[in-house]
């Protein structure tokens, strides 16, 4: 699961397509995408993923923590 979420984070980093990334993460189940990212960060730390990979996950988590009203164009 952590590898899949990391791939989604890498895709988002490259394409900046939040809708596509969200669609990928909801395939994991019924939880909010942020929950899967948080779990992936924990697993990544336990499995000694590189700091670069953990930072990619953290950056994606930050995107989902921004209130939706600030993501909308005026």
N, C-alpha and C. Protein backbone atom coordinates (compact mmCIF):
# COMPACT_ATOMS: atom_id res chain seq x y z
N UNK A 1 0.82 -1.19 0.00
CA UNK A 1 0.00 0.00 0.00
C UNK A 1 0.87 1.25 0.00
N UNK A 2 1.93 1.26 0.78
CA UNK A 2 2.80 2.43 0.84
C UNK A 2 3.44 2.71 -0.52
N UNK A 3 3.82 1.66 -1.23
CA UNK A 3 4.40 1.84 -2.56
C UNK A 3 3.40 2.47 -3.53
N UNK A 4 2.16 2.03 -3.44
CA UNK A 4 1.11 2.56 -4.32
C UNK A 4 0.88 4.04 -4.04
N UNK A 5 0.79 4.39 -2.75
CA UNK A 5 0.58 5.79 -2.38
C UNK A 5 1.78 6.63 -2.81
N UNK A 6 2.97 6.08 -2.68
CA UNK A 6 4.17 6.80 -3.12
C UNK A 6 4.10 7.04 -4.63
N UNK A 7 3.66 6.06 -5.39
CA UNK A 7 3.52 6.26 -6.83
C UNK A 7 2.51 7.36 -7.14
N UNK A 8 1.44 7.42 -6.36
CA UNK A 8 0.46 8.50 -6.54
C UNK A 8 1.09 9.85 -6.20
N UNK A 9 1.90 9.88 -5.15
CA UNK A 9 2.58 11.13 -4.76
C UNK A 9 3.55 11.57 -5.85
N UNK A 10 4.26 10.63 -6.44
CA UNK A 10 5.19 10.95 -7.52
C UNK A 10 4.44 11.46 -8.75
N UNK A 11 3.30 10.86 -9.03
CA UNK A 11 2.49 11.31 -10.15
C UNK A 11 1.99 12.73 -9.91
N UNK A 12 1.54 12.99 -8.68
CA UNK A 12 1.06 14.34 -8.37
C UNK A 12 2.20 15.35 -8.48
N UNK A 13 3.37 14.98 -8.00
CA UNK A 13 4.52 15.87 -8.06
C UNK A 13 4.82 16.25 -9.51
N UNK A 14 4.69 15.30 -10.41
CA UNK A 14 5.02 15.53 -11.80
C UNK A 14 3.92 16.28 -12.55
N UNK A 15 2.66 15.90 -12.31
CA UNK A 15 1.56 16.42 -13.13
C UNK A 15 0.68 17.45 -12.43
N UNK A 16 0.76 17.53 -11.12
CA UNK A 16 -0.06 18.47 -10.34
C UNK A 16 -1.55 18.32 -10.65
N UNK A 17 -2.00 17.08 -10.79
CA UNK A 17 -3.41 16.80 -11.11
C UNK A 17 -4.05 16.15 -9.88
N UNK A 18 -4.63 16.97 -9.03
CA UNK A 18 -5.19 16.48 -7.77
C UNK A 18 -6.38 15.55 -8.00
N UNK A 19 -7.19 15.84 -8.99
CA UNK A 19 -8.34 14.99 -9.27
C UNK A 19 -7.88 13.57 -9.65
N UNK A 20 -6.89 13.48 -10.51
CA UNK A 20 -6.37 12.17 -10.90
C UNK A 20 -5.78 11.44 -9.70
N UNK A 21 -5.01 12.15 -8.90
CA UNK A 21 -4.39 11.54 -7.72
C UNK A 21 -5.45 11.05 -6.75
N UNK A 22 -6.47 11.85 -6.53
CA UNK A 22 -7.56 11.45 -5.65
C UNK A 22 -8.25 10.20 -6.17
N UNK A 23 -8.49 10.16 -7.47
CA UNK A 23 -9.12 8.98 -8.07
C UNK A 23 -8.27 7.73 -7.85
N UNK A 24 -6.96 7.88 -7.89
CA UNK A 24 -6.08 6.74 -7.65
C UNK A 24 -6.15 6.30 -6.19
N UNK A 25 -6.17 7.25 -5.27
CA UNK A 25 -6.14 6.90 -3.85
C UNK A 25 -7.47 6.32 -3.36
N UNK A 26 -8.59 6.75 -3.93
CA UNK A 26 -9.87 6.21 -3.46
C UNK A 26 -10.04 4.75 -3.87
N UNK A 27 -9.21 4.28 -4.78
CA UNK A 27 -9.26 2.86 -5.14
C UNK A 27 -8.82 1.97 -3.97
N UNK A 28 -8.16 2.56 -2.98
CA UNK A 28 -7.68 1.80 -1.84
C UNK A 28 -8.80 1.46 -0.84
N UNK A 29 -9.91 2.16 -0.91
CA UNK A 29 -11.00 1.88 0.01
C UNK A 29 -11.86 3.10 0.26
N UNK A 30 -12.58 3.08 1.38
CA UNK A 30 -13.57 4.11 1.67
C UNK A 30 -13.05 5.27 2.50
N UNK A 31 -11.83 5.20 2.97
CA UNK A 31 -11.28 6.29 3.77
C UNK A 31 -10.92 7.49 2.91
N UNK A 32 -10.77 8.64 3.56
CA UNK A 32 -10.33 9.84 2.87
C UNK A 32 -8.89 9.61 2.39
N UNK A 33 -8.52 10.13 1.23
CA UNK A 33 -7.16 9.93 0.71
C UNK A 33 -6.06 10.31 1.72
N UNK A 34 -6.31 11.35 2.51
CA UNK A 34 -5.32 11.76 3.49
C UNK A 34 -4.99 10.63 4.46
N UNK A 35 -5.98 9.84 4.82
CA UNK A 35 -5.76 8.72 5.75
C UNK A 35 -4.77 7.71 5.15
N UNK A 36 -4.90 7.42 3.87
CA UNK A 36 -3.98 6.48 3.22
C UNK A 36 -2.57 7.05 3.14
N UNK A 37 -2.48 8.34 2.91
CA UNK A 37 -1.17 8.98 2.85
C UNK A 37 -0.51 8.93 4.23
N UNK A 38 -1.28 9.21 5.27
CA UNK A 38 -0.74 9.17 6.63
C UNK A 38 -0.25 7.76 6.98
N UNK A 39 -1.04 6.76 6.62
CA UNK A 39 -0.62 5.38 6.87
C UNK A 39 0.64 5.04 6.08
N UNK A 40 0.71 5.52 4.84
CA UNK A 40 1.88 5.25 4.00
C UNK A 40 3.14 5.89 4.60
N UNK A 41 2.99 7.07 5.18
CA UNK A 41 4.14 7.73 5.81
C UNK A 41 4.65 6.90 6.98
N UNK A 42 3.75 6.39 7.77
CA UNK A 42 4.14 5.56 8.92
C UNK A 42 4.87 4.31 8.45
N UNK A 43 4.30 3.64 7.47
CA UNK A 43 4.93 2.42 6.93
C UNK A 43 6.27 2.75 6.29
N UNK A 44 6.33 3.85 5.55
CA UNK A 44 7.57 4.24 4.88
C UNK A 44 8.68 4.49 5.90
N UNK A 45 8.33 5.11 7.02
CA UNK A 45 9.33 5.35 8.06
C UNK A 45 9.78 4.03 8.68
N UNK A 46 8.82 3.12 8.92
CA UNK A 46 9.16 1.82 9.51
C UNK A 46 10.04 0.99 8.58
N UNK A 47 9.83 1.13 7.27
CA UNK A 47 10.58 0.34 6.29
C UNK A 47 11.82 1.07 5.76
N UNK A 48 12.14 2.19 6.37
CA UNK A 48 13.33 2.97 6.00
C UNK A 48 13.33 3.41 4.54
N UNK A 49 12.19 3.91 4.08
CA UNK A 49 12.15 4.54 2.76
C UNK A 49 13.11 5.74 2.80
N UNK A 50 13.54 6.17 1.65
CA UNK A 50 14.45 7.32 1.60
C UNK A 50 13.73 8.57 2.10
N UNK A 51 14.51 9.51 2.59
CA UNK A 51 13.96 10.77 3.06
C UNK A 51 13.23 11.48 1.92
N UNK A 52 13.77 11.37 0.73
CA UNK A 52 13.13 11.98 -0.45
C UNK A 52 11.72 11.43 -0.67
N UNK A 53 11.57 10.11 -0.55
CA UNK A 53 10.26 9.49 -0.74
C UNK A 53 9.29 9.90 0.37
N UNK A 54 9.76 9.95 1.59
CA UNK A 54 8.90 10.35 2.70
C UNK A 54 8.48 11.81 2.53
N UNK A 55 9.37 12.65 2.03
CA UNK A 55 9.02 14.05 1.78
C UNK A 55 7.96 14.17 0.69
N UNK A 56 8.03 13.32 -0.33
CA UNK A 56 7.00 13.33 -1.38
C UNK A 56 5.64 13.01 -0.78
N UNK A 57 5.60 12.01 0.10
CA UNK A 57 4.35 11.65 0.76
C UNK A 57 3.86 12.81 1.64
N UNK A 58 4.77 13.44 2.36
CA UNK A 58 4.40 14.54 3.24
C UNK A 58 3.86 15.73 2.45
N UNK A 59 4.46 16.01 1.33
CA UNK A 59 3.98 17.12 0.49
C UNK A 59 2.57 16.84 -0.02
N UNK A 60 2.32 15.60 -0.40
CA UNK A 60 0.98 15.25 -0.86
C UNK A 60 -0.02 15.35 0.30
N UNK A 61 0.39 14.93 1.48
CA UNK A 61 -0.49 15.05 2.65
C UNK A 61 -0.86 16.51 2.89
N UNK A 62 0.09 17.40 2.72
CA UNK A 62 -0.18 18.83 2.92
C UNK A 62 -1.25 19.33 1.96
N UNK A 63 -1.23 18.83 0.74
CA UNK A 63 -2.22 19.26 -0.25
C UNK A 63 -3.63 18.91 0.24
N UNK A 64 -3.78 17.75 0.85
CA UNK A 64 -5.10 17.32 1.32
C UNK A 64 -5.49 17.98 2.64
N UNK A 65 -4.56 18.61 3.31
CA UNK A 65 -4.87 19.28 4.57
C UNK A 65 -5.31 20.72 4.37
N UNK A 66 -5.12 21.26 3.16
CA UNK A 66 -5.55 22.62 2.86
C UNK A 66 -7.07 22.63 2.76
N UNK A 67 -7.72 23.56 3.46
CA UNK A 67 -9.20 23.63 3.36
C UNK A 67 -9.64 23.77 1.91
N UNK A 68 -10.69 23.05 1.55
CA UNK A 68 -11.14 23.03 0.15
C UNK A 68 -11.48 24.41 -0.38
N UNK A 69 -11.96 25.29 0.47
CA UNK A 69 -12.36 26.62 0.02
C UNK A 69 -11.16 27.40 -0.53
N UNK A 70 -9.95 27.09 -0.04
CA UNK A 70 -8.77 27.80 -0.53
C UNK A 70 -8.25 27.20 -1.82
N UNK A 71 -8.73 26.02 -2.20
CA UNK A 71 -8.29 25.39 -3.44
C UNK A 71 -9.10 25.87 -4.64
N UNK A 72 -10.25 26.48 -4.38
CA UNK A 72 -11.12 26.91 -5.46
C UNK A 72 -10.65 28.25 -6.01
N UNK A 73 -10.80 28.41 -7.28
CA UNK A 73 -10.45 29.69 -7.91
C UNK A 73 -11.52 30.74 -7.56
N UNK A 74 -11.13 31.99 -7.38
CA UNK A 74 -12.11 33.04 -7.03
C UNK A 74 -13.06 33.34 -8.17
